[in-house]
Amino acid sequence: MSSVVLDKVSKVYPGGYLAVDRLSLRAEDGEFLVLLGPSGCGKSTLLRMIAGLEEITEGDLWLDGQIANHLAPRDRDVAMVFQNGALYPHRTVRGNMAFPLEIAKEDPATVRARVTELSKALHIDEQLDRRPATLSGGQRQRVAMGRAIVRQPKLFLMDEPLSNLDAGMRTELRMEISSLVRSLGVTTIYVTHDQVEALTLADRIAILNRGVLQDIGTPGQIYNDPATAFTAAFLSSQQLNLLAATVRTPQNQYVMLDFGPHQLIMPWNDPRAYAVSQHVGTQIIVGLRPDGLAPAPESYEGPSFYGRVRALEYHGHEWLAYAECGVPAVPVPEPPDPRGRAEALGHTEGGLRRVMRRMFGNHQEPQDQEQVGQHVGSGFHRRADLIVRLGVRPSWRAGDPAKIAVDLSRLMLFTQDGARIDPPRR
């Protein structure tokens, strides 16, 4: 087993594109750590720096207590599984899995025994004499995993190994990865943009955005007690309601969240009330997942919003309602633009513009933050609707008036830059 420590690690590509910004992270012996975030956030770059496939611009990497910045990939005792499998097309399944052991000049009898045993665990023992071109996508990924596991490295690195598979195969292989890796007890760092993979596989999850570490904790901590608005929004299976509210304390009797046409009252015995009251007179961001809202009868006297149902969506296992309530919605706050940091590290600004041109073609570059957000999937609301989870039987129809009960215990409270107002518990 092996521990991995990243100490203020940065990566700047030639031309000035800052991919990872002063990131500090630790993976403990035997831990399954998942790196989660949108495309382009620096997850794969971080994994490749750990593997030695990318040079570190700034900061230190420690493997098993030893500085590893300048170690060659072959000297790091890591095994990496790529998104596309990266198998040798001219070799059979047996040949692909045996290759690392053959390079290490292991005894041929030992090689055959280990390949046969591992192929049974991965359910590919009947495909040992086939070539990769004749295998399904799921089978190829099993072979790639087998090739990584067979030499028993100290560290597994997995770069979105399931992203090219269909939903059913992803579920099946996800469970096999979890059980197999945990039975081996090998430290694993796994990259994904899929929140379901992260929540089901991880011992801990590290959330990245624009090369900046947003949050880290167990799946329960990250989901129920997120440290940033970005984390809360990214881990919502439905779009997170992010609303602008002004903090008031009328005659110091309670804390009021003023949404304009609606107000929510937070009593002083709420453990979050004091921290929120420090922002009196200023605007904050209130996050509410759709399952923190529910249809309420007219007789309901608890905290609520009023509005009108604009549309319903059927998701098979549940219905969602979009209700117009006149509450101002806000975008997910983004980290600062990384260009200034790239220049501070001695690189130029032009590289970022070239990257943007590669992303968007020869068209004009996005002129404002909202246009960029729509391209990179930053979670901007298109309308100021409240999204309400209705369950399997909708009690509303489009056009109905709506009274929406609010579960105050589910409120997530953030400053305008997206940081939690009440400190998360870790």
Protein backbone atom coordinates (compact mmCIF):
# COMPACT_ATOMS: atom_id res chain seq x y z
CA MET A 1 0.00 0.00 0.00
CA SER A 2 1.00 3.61 -0.47
CA SER A 3 0.08 7.07 0.71
CA VAL A 4 -0.03 10.05 -1.67
CA VAL A 5 0.53 13.65 -0.58
CA LEU A 6 0.19 16.66 -2.88
CA ASP A 7 1.59 19.84 -1.31
CA LYS A 8 0.50 23.08 -3.04
CA VAL A 9 0.84 21.52 -6.47
CA SER A 10 0.29 23.64 -9.60
CA LYS A 11 0.42 22.81 -13.29
CA VAL A 12 0.82 25.46 -16.00
CA TYR A 13 0.96 24.32 -19.61
CA PRO A 14 3.17 26.09 -22.17
CA GLY A 15 1.42 29.28 -23.22
CA GLY A 16 0.02 30.05 -19.79
CA TYR A 17 -2.98 27.75 -19.21
CA LEU A 18 -3.22 27.07 -15.46
CA ALA A 19 -4.75 23.60 -15.10
CA VAL A 20 -4.16 22.96 -11.36
CA ASP A 21 -3.76 25.76 -8.83
CA ARG A 22 -1.91 25.24 -5.51
CA LEU A 23 -3.76 22.04 -4.70
CA SER A 24 -3.01 20.19 -1.45
CA LEU A 25 -4.44 16.72 -0.95
CA ARG A 26 -3.67 13.45 0.85
CA ALA A 27 -4.74 9.90 0.01
CA GLU A 28 -4.19 7.52 2.92
CA ASP A 29 -2.93 3.93 2.73
CA GLY A 30 -5.65 1.71 1.27
CA GLU A 31 -8.05 4.60 0.68
CA PHE A 32 -10.36 4.88 -2.33
CA LEU A 33 -10.21 8.59 -3.16
CA VAL A 34 -12.38 9.96 -5.98
CA LEU A 35 -11.54 13.18 -7.84
CA LEU A 36 -14.83 14.67 -9.02
CA GLY A 37 -15.59 17.73 -11.12
CA PRO A 38 -16.70 18.98 -14.54
CA SER A 39 -14.71 18.44 -17.72
CA GLY A 40 -11.59 20.60 -17.81
CA CYS A 41 -11.34 21.10 -14.05
CA GLY A 42 -7.88 19.49 -13.73
CA LYS A 43 -8.78 15.97 -12.54
CA SER A 44 -6.93 14.04 -15.24
CA THR A 45 -3.99 16.47 -15.16
CA LEU A 46 -3.64 15.80 -11.44
CA LEU A 47 -3.74 12.05 -12.01
CA ARG A 48 -1.11 12.28 -14.75
CA MET A 49 1.19 14.29 -12.47
CA ILE A 50 0.92 11.57 -9.83
CA ALA A 51 1.73 8.95 -12.49
CA GLY A 52 4.70 10.97 -13.76
CA LEU A 53 3.18 11.55 -17.21
CA GLU A 54 3.06 15.34 -16.61
CA GLU A 55 5.70 17.49 -14.91
CA ILE A 56 4.74 19.46 -11.82
CA THR A 57 5.19 23.21 -12.32
CA GLU A 58 5.13 24.13 -8.62
CA GLY A 59 4.76 22.23 -5.35
CA ASP A 60 5.71 18.74 -4.18
CA LEU A 61 4.43 15.19 -4.65
CA TRP A 62 5.19 12.62 -1.95
CA LEU A 63 4.70 8.88 -2.50
CA ASP A 64 5.05 6.69 0.58
CA GLY A 65 6.86 9.48 2.43
CA GLN A 66 9.39 10.06 -0.37
CA ILE A 67 9.57 13.12 -2.63
CA ALA A 68 8.60 11.95 -6.12
CA ASN A 69 8.57 15.05 -8.35
CA HIS A 70 11.45 13.84 -10.50
CA LEU A 71 10.92 10.08 -10.34
CA ALA A 72 10.38 8.42 -13.72
CA PRO A 73 6.94 6.78 -14.15
CA ARG A 74 8.46 3.29 -14.05
CA ASP A 75 9.99 4.03 -10.63
CA ARG A 76 6.74 5.11 -8.94
CA ASP A 77 5.13 1.62 -8.71
CA VAL A 78 1.76 2.87 -9.93
CA ALA A 79 -0.69 1.31 -12.38
CA MET A 80 -3.03 3.45 -14.47
CA VAL A 81 -6.31 2.54 -16.20
CA PHE A 82 -7.29 4.94 -18.99
CA GLN A 83 -10.68 5.91 -20.34
CA ASN A 84 -10.24 3.94 -23.57
CA GLY A 85 -8.44 0.92 -22.07
CA ALA A 86 -5.26 1.46 -24.17
CA LEU A 87 -4.77 -2.26 -24.89
CA TYR A 88 -2.19 -3.73 -27.26
CA PRO A 89 -4.29 -4.70 -30.32
CA HIS A 90 -1.88 -7.40 -31.55
CA ARG A 91 -1.91 -9.24 -28.20
CA THR A 92 -4.64 -11.51 -26.86
CA VAL A 93 -6.38 -10.85 -23.56
CA ARG A 94 -3.91 -13.23 -21.92
CA GLY A 95 -0.98 -11.42 -23.56
CA ASN A 96 -2.22 -7.99 -22.50
CA MET A 97 -2.68 -9.06 -18.89
CA ALA A 98 0.63 -10.90 -18.76
CA PHE A 99 2.67 -8.09 -20.32
CA PRO A 100 3.63 -6.21 -17.10
CA LEU A 101 4.80 -9.46 -15.50
CA GLU A 102 6.76 -10.46 -18.59
CA ILE A 103 8.54 -7.10 -18.59
CA ALA A 104 9.40 -7.69 -14.92
CA LYS A 105 10.80 -11.13 -15.94
CA GLU A 106 8.49 -13.08 -13.63
CA ASP A 107 8.50 -16.88 -13.76
CA PRO A 108 6.23 -17.98 -16.68
CA ALA A 109 4.35 -20.45 -14.47
CA THR A 110 3.64 -17.68 -11.95
CA VAL A 111 2.50 -15.40 -14.78
CA ARG A 112 0.04 -18.00 -16.12
CA ALA A 113 -1.36 -18.71 -12.66
CA ARG A 114 -1.88 -15.03 -11.76
CA VAL A 115 -3.46 -14.17 -15.11
CA THR A 116 -5.83 -17.14 -14.91
CA GLU A 117 -6.86 -16.35 -11.32
CA LEU A 118 -7.43 -12.67 -12.01
CA SER A 119 -9.34 -13.31 -15.24
CA LYS A 120 -11.83 -15.42 -13.28
CA ALA A 121 -12.32 -12.62 -10.74
CA LEU A 122 -12.97 -10.18 -13.61
CA HIS A 123 -15.25 -12.64 -15.48
CA ILE A 124 -13.11 -12.65 -18.62
CA ASP A 125 -11.60 -16.14 -18.27
CA GLU A 126 -13.50 -17.30 -21.37
CA GLN A 127 -12.00 -14.48 -23.47
CA LEU A 128 -8.31 -15.09 -22.69
CA ASP A 129 -7.43 -16.11 -26.25
CA ARG A 130 -9.35 -13.31 -27.99
CA ARG A 131 -7.92 -10.03 -29.25
CA PRO A 132 -9.20 -6.62 -28.04
CA ALA A 133 -10.95 -5.80 -31.33
CA THR A 134 -13.35 -8.73 -30.79
CA LEU A 135 -14.36 -7.67 -27.26
CA SER A 136 -17.16 -5.43 -26.05
CA GLY A 137 -16.34 -2.11 -24.36
CA GLY A 138 -16.99 -3.57 -20.92
CA GLN A 139 -14.75 -6.56 -21.60
CA ARG A 140 -11.93 -4.31 -22.82
CA GLN A 141 -12.10 -2.28 -19.62
CA ARG A 142 -11.96 -5.46 -17.55
CA VAL A 143 -8.82 -6.47 -19.44
CA ALA A 144 -7.30 -3.03 -18.83
CA MET A 145 -8.07 -3.35 -15.13
CA GLY A 146 -6.60 -6.82 -15.07
CA ARG A 147 -3.38 -5.62 -16.70
CA ALA A 148 -3.10 -2.88 -14.04
CA ILE A 149 -3.92 -5.14 -11.09
CA VAL A 150 -1.92 -8.23 -12.06
CA ARG A 151 1.47 -6.83 -11.05
CA GLN A 152 0.13 -5.74 -7.64
CA PRO A 153 1.28 -2.10 -7.61
CA LYS A 154 1.24 0.15 -4.55
CA LEU A 155 -1.12 2.64 -6.17
CA PHE A 156 -4.00 2.43 -8.69
CA LEU A 157 -4.85 5.45 -10.82
CA MET A 158 -8.12 5.25 -12.79
CA ASP A 159 -9.02 7.96 -15.31
CA GLU A 160 -12.77 7.76 -16.04
CA PRO A 161 -12.60 4.03 -16.88
CA LEU A 162 -16.39 3.67 -17.23
CA SER A 163 -17.31 6.80 -19.19
CA ASN A 164 -17.49 5.04 -22.58
CA LEU A 165 -19.83 2.27 -21.37
CA ASP A 166 -23.62 2.11 -21.37
CA ALA A 167 -25.53 2.67 -18.12
CA GLY A 168 -26.11 -1.01 -17.30
CA MET A 169 -22.49 -1.96 -17.89
CA ARG A 170 -21.28 1.02 -15.83
CA THR A 171 -23.35 -0.13 -12.86
CA GLU A 172 -22.10 -3.72 -13.11
CA LEU A 173 -18.44 -2.80 -13.55
CA ARG A 174 -18.61 -0.11 -10.87
CA MET A 175 -19.57 -2.69 -8.27
CA GLU A 176 -16.81 -5.04 -9.44
CA ILE A 177 -14.19 -2.28 -9.24
CA SER A 178 -15.30 -1.44 -5.71
CA SER A 179 -15.24 -5.01 -4.41
CA LEU A 180 -12.01 -6.00 -6.19
CA VAL A 181 -9.98 -2.94 -5.20
CA ARG A 182 -11.15 -3.06 -1.59
CA SER A 183 -10.31 -6.76 -1.35
CA LEU A 184 -6.77 -5.95 -2.52
CA GLY A 185 -6.46 -3.03 -0.07
CA VAL A 186 -4.52 -0.93 -2.60
CA THR A 187 -4.64 2.86 -2.45
CA THR A 188 -6.76 4.04 -5.39
CA ILE A 189 -7.30 7.48 -6.91
CA TYR A 190 -10.24 7.49 -9.31
CA VAL A 191 -11.23 10.33 -11.67
CA THR A 192 -14.83 10.85 -12.75
CA HIS A 193 -17.35 13.55 -13.63
CA ASP A 194 -20.25 11.25 -12.62
CA GLN A 195 -21.60 12.02 -9.16
CA VAL A 196 -23.21 8.55 -8.84
CA GLU A 197 -19.84 6.86 -9.37
CA ALA A 198 -18.26 9.17 -6.82
CA LEU A 199 -20.92 8.67 -4.14
CA THR A 200 -21.04 4.88 -4.53
CA LEU A 201 -17.31 4.16 -4.85
CA ALA A 202 -15.46 6.62 -2.66
CA ASP A 203 -14.15 6.52 0.87
CA ARG A 204 -13.62 10.25 0.35
CA ILE A 205 -14.43 12.64 -2.50
CA ALA A 206 -12.35 15.64 -3.57
CA ILE A 207 -14.31 18.19 -5.64
CA LEU A 208 -12.35 20.29 -8.16
CA ASN A 209 -13.32 23.26 -10.30
CA ARG A 210 -10.98 25.27 -12.54
CA GLY A 211 -8.02 23.52 -10.96
CA VAL A 212 -9.03 24.60 -7.44
CA LEU A 213 -9.96 22.17 -4.65
CA GLN A 214 -13.51 23.06 -3.59
CA ASP A 215 -14.22 20.47 -0.91
CA ILE A 216 -13.09 17.11 0.44
CA GLY A 217 -14.80 14.63 2.75
CA THR A 218 -16.77 11.41 2.92
CA PRO A 219 -19.69 11.04 0.51
CA GLY A 220 -22.13 11.78 3.35
CA GLN A 221 -20.24 14.88 4.42
CA ILE A 222 -19.90 16.23 0.90
CA TYR A 223 -23.55 15.67 0.00
CA ASN A 224 -25.26 16.68 3.24
CA ASP A 225 -22.82 19.33 4.45
CA PRO A 226 -21.08 20.88 1.39
CA ALA A 227 -18.39 23.50 1.97
CA THR A 228 -19.17 25.54 -1.16
CA ALA A 229 -22.12 26.38 -3.38
CA PHE A 230 -20.32 24.74 -6.30
CA THR A 231 -20.07 21.44 -4.38
CA ALA A 232 -23.75 21.56 -3.45
CA ALA A 233 -24.79 22.28 -7.04
CA PHE A 234 -22.51 19.67 -8.61
CA LEU A 235 -23.72 16.90 -6.28
CA SER A 236 -27.42 17.53 -6.87
CA SER A 237 -29.08 14.88 -9.03
CA GLN A 238 -31.60 17.56 -10.02
CA GLN A 239 -30.61 21.18 -10.50
CA LEU A 240 -30.02 22.92 -7.19
CA ASN A 241 -32.22 25.91 -6.34
CA LEU A 242 -29.79 28.78 -5.70
CA LEU A 243 -31.65 31.89 -4.53
CA ALA A 244 -30.61 35.42 -3.55
CA ALA A 245 -31.76 36.59 -0.11
CA THR A 246 -31.02 39.61 2.06
CA VAL A 247 -30.35 38.97 5.75
CA ARG A 248 -32.40 41.02 8.22
CA THR A 249 -32.90 40.87 11.99
CA PRO A 250 -36.16 42.78 12.72
CA GLN A 251 -35.87 44.25 16.25
CA ASN A 252 -33.38 41.44 16.91
CA GLN A 253 -36.28 38.98 17.41
CA TYR A 254 -35.17 36.48 14.75
CA VAL A 255 -33.14 36.18 11.56
CA MET A 256 -35.11 36.84 8.39
CA LEU A 257 -34.10 35.72 4.92
CA ASP A 258 -35.76 38.24 2.65
CA PHE A 259 -36.33 36.99 -0.91
CA GLY A 260 -38.37 40.02 -1.97
CA PRO A 261 -41.93 38.72 -2.35
CA HIS A 262 -41.26 35.98 0.25
CA GLN A 263 -39.53 35.78 3.63
CA LEU A 264 -38.28 32.83 5.67
CA ILE A 265 -37.84 33.13 9.44
CA MET A 266 -34.89 31.48 11.19
CA PRO A 267 -35.30 31.42 15.01
CA TRP A 268 -32.33 32.28 17.22
CA ASN A 269 -32.19 28.70 18.54
CA ASP A 270 -31.24 27.53 15.04
CA PRO A 271 -27.49 26.70 15.29
CA ARG A 272 -26.86 28.59 12.03
CA ALA A 273 -28.64 31.78 13.09
CA TYR A 274 -25.69 33.57 14.70
CA ALA A 275 -23.36 32.97 11.74
CA VAL A 276 -26.03 34.19 9.32
CA SER A 277 -26.76 37.29 11.43
CA GLN A 278 -23.18 38.45 10.87
CA HIS A 279 -24.27 39.21 7.29
CA VAL A 280 -27.23 41.44 8.22
CA GLY A 281 -28.08 43.92 5.48
CA THR A 282 -26.13 42.02 2.82
CA GLN A 283 -27.20 39.54 0.17
CA ILE A 284 -26.36 35.86 0.56
CA ILE A 285 -27.02 32.74 -1.51
CA VAL A 286 -29.53 30.17 -0.22
CA GLY A 287 -29.33 26.65 -1.64
CA LEU A 288 -32.29 24.27 -1.57
CA ARG A 289 -32.44 20.86 -3.21
CA PRO A 290 -35.78 19.98 -4.84
CA ASP A 291 -36.44 17.35 -2.15
CA GLY A 292 -36.25 20.11 0.49
CA LEU A 293 -39.45 21.56 -1.00
CA ALA A 294 -42.90 20.00 -1.14
CA PRO A 295 -46.48 20.90 -2.13
CA ALA A 296 -48.39 22.30 0.85
CA PRO A 297 -52.15 22.70 1.46
CA GLU A 298 -53.55 26.21 1.81
CA SER A 299 -54.02 25.61 5.53
CA TYR A 300 -50.25 25.07 6.00
CA GLU A 301 -48.77 27.81 8.23
CA GLY A 302 -45.11 26.87 8.18
CA PRO A 303 -42.31 28.42 6.10
CA SER A 304 -43.38 28.50 2.45
CA PHE A 305 -43.22 30.13 -0.97
CA TYR A 306 -46.18 30.99 -3.21
CA GLY A 307 -46.21 30.79 -6.97
CA ARG A 308 -47.65 29.14 -10.06
CA VAL A 309 -46.65 25.85 -11.69
CA ARG A 310 -45.04 26.56 -15.06
CA ALA A 311 -44.25 22.98 -16.10
CA LEU A 312 -44.01 19.38 -14.91
CA GLU A 313 -41.33 16.85 -15.84
CA TYR A 314 -41.71 13.07 -15.64
CA HIS A 315 -38.51 11.22 -14.69
CA GLY A 316 -39.90 7.69 -14.43
CA HIS A 317 -39.43 7.26 -10.70
CA GLU A 318 -40.65 10.77 -9.84
CA TRP A 319 -42.12 14.05 -11.09
CA LEU A 320 -40.50 17.46 -10.85
CA ALA A 321 -42.39 20.76 -10.88
CA TYR A 322 -41.05 24.14 -12.05
CA ALA A 323 -42.82 26.88 -10.12
CA GLU A 324 -42.58 30.61 -10.83
CA CYS A 325 -42.39 32.36 -7.46
CA GLY A 326 -40.68 35.64 -8.26
CA VAL A 327 -37.61 34.65 -6.24
CA PRO A 328 -34.34 35.83 -7.83
CA ALA A 329 -32.15 32.91 -8.88
CA VAL A 330 -28.37 33.22 -9.00
CA PRO A 331 -25.60 31.35 -10.87
CA VAL A 332 -23.14 29.01 -9.22
CA PRO A 333 -20.18 31.15 -8.06
CA GLU A 334 -16.96 30.34 -9.91
CA PRO A 335 -13.36 30.54 -8.63
CA PRO A 336 -11.32 33.56 -9.80
CA ASP A 337 -9.99 33.56 -13.36
CA PRO A 338 -6.68 31.60 -13.27
CA ARG A 339 -4.80 33.77 -15.78
CA GLY A 340 -3.24 36.03 -13.14
CA ARG A 341 -1.78 33.06 -11.28
CA ALA A 342 -0.29 31.68 -14.52
CA GLU A 343 1.46 35.01 -15.14
CA ALA A 344 2.76 35.04 -11.56
CA LEU A 345 4.40 31.67 -12.24
CA GLY A 346 6.30 33.19 -15.17
CA HIS A 347 3.98 32.16 -18.01
CA THR A 348 2.08 34.21 -20.55
CA GLU A 349 -1.62 34.93 -20.88
CA GLY A 350 -1.92 34.01 -24.54
CA GLY A 351 -2.10 30.27 -23.90
CA LEU A 352 -5.49 30.50 -22.24
CA ARG A 353 -6.90 32.31 -25.25
CA ARG A 354 -5.51 29.61 -27.53
CA VAL A 355 -7.16 26.94 -25.35
CA MET A 356 -10.46 28.85 -25.55
CA ARG A 357 -10.16 28.98 -29.36
CA ARG A 358 -9.56 25.22 -29.44
CA MET A 359 -12.66 24.73 -27.28
CA PHE A 360 -14.98 27.04 -29.23
CA GLY A 361 -13.43 26.89 -32.72
CA ASN A 362 -12.83 30.01 -34.77
CA HIS A 363 -15.93 31.76 -33.50
CA GLN A 364 -15.66 34.80 -31.28
CA GLU A 365 -14.66 33.93 -27.71
CA PRO A 366 -17.35 34.20 -25.02
CA GLN A 367 -17.65 37.81 -23.95
CA ASP A 368 -19.00 37.39 -20.47
CA GLN A 369 -19.08 34.94 -17.58
CA GLU A 370 -22.60 33.73 -18.34
CA GLN A 371 -21.67 32.67 -21.87
CA VAL A 372 -18.64 30.78 -20.55
CA GLY A 373 -20.78 29.14 -17.90
CA GLN A 374 -23.24 27.83 -20.47
CA HIS A 375 -20.38 26.19 -22.40
CA VAL A 376 -18.65 24.52 -19.46
CA GLY A 377 -21.79 23.43 -17.63
CA SER A 378 -21.40 25.62 -14.57
CA GLY A 379 -25.03 25.24 -13.56
CA PHE A 380 -26.52 28.62 -14.50
CA HIS A 381 -30.30 28.87 -14.08
CA ARG A 382 -32.07 29.80 -17.30
CA ARG A 383 -35.21 30.95 -15.48
CA ALA A 384 -36.02 32.02 -11.94
CA ASP A 385 -38.05 28.88 -11.20
CA LEU A 386 -38.18 26.83 -8.04
CA ILE A 387 -37.70 23.13 -8.78
CA VAL A 388 -39.87 20.99 -6.50
CA ARG A 389 -39.75 17.22 -6.16
CA LEU A 390 -43.27 15.75 -6.25
CA GLY A 391 -42.71 11.99 -5.92
CA VAL A 392 -44.44 9.35 -8.04
CA ARG A 393 -47.90 11.00 -8.11
CA PRO A 394 -48.01 14.71 -9.01
CA SER A 395 -50.47 16.77 -7.00
CA TRP A 396 -50.20 19.76 -9.36
CA ARG A 397 -50.86 20.45 -13.01
CA ALA A 398 -49.24 23.08 -15.20
CA GLY A 399 -50.86 26.46 -14.51
CA ASP A 400 -52.02 25.56 -10.96
CA PRO A 401 -51.34 27.95 -8.08
CA ALA A 402 -48.67 26.47 -5.82
CA LYS A 403 -47.97 26.78 -2.12
CA ILE A 404 -44.55 25.27 -1.46
CA ALA A 405 -43.48 24.12 1.99
CA VAL A 406 -39.81 24.75 2.80
CA ASP A 407 -37.79 22.46 5.09
CA LEU A 408 -35.65 25.02 6.94
CA SER A 409 -33.27 22.31 8.15
CA ARG A 410 -32.33 21.67 4.50
CA LEU A 411 -31.27 25.26 3.77
CA MET A 412 -27.65 25.66 2.68
CA LEU A 413 -26.30 29.16 3.26
CA PHE A 414 -23.41 30.68 1.29
CA THR A 415 -21.70 34.01 0.86
CA GLN A 416 -21.78 35.65 -2.57
CA ASP A 417 -18.44 34.05 -3.47
CA GLY A 418 -19.89 30.59 -2.73
CA ALA A 419 -18.28 29.83 0.66
CA ARG A 420 -20.39 28.30 3.43
CA ILE A 421 -21.58 30.78 6.06
CA ASP A 422 -21.87 28.21 8.86
CA PRO A 423 -18.68 26.08 8.82
CA PRO A 424 -19.20 22.53 7.49
CA ARG A 425 -18.51 19.68 9.92
CA ARG A 426 -15.54 17.53 8.90
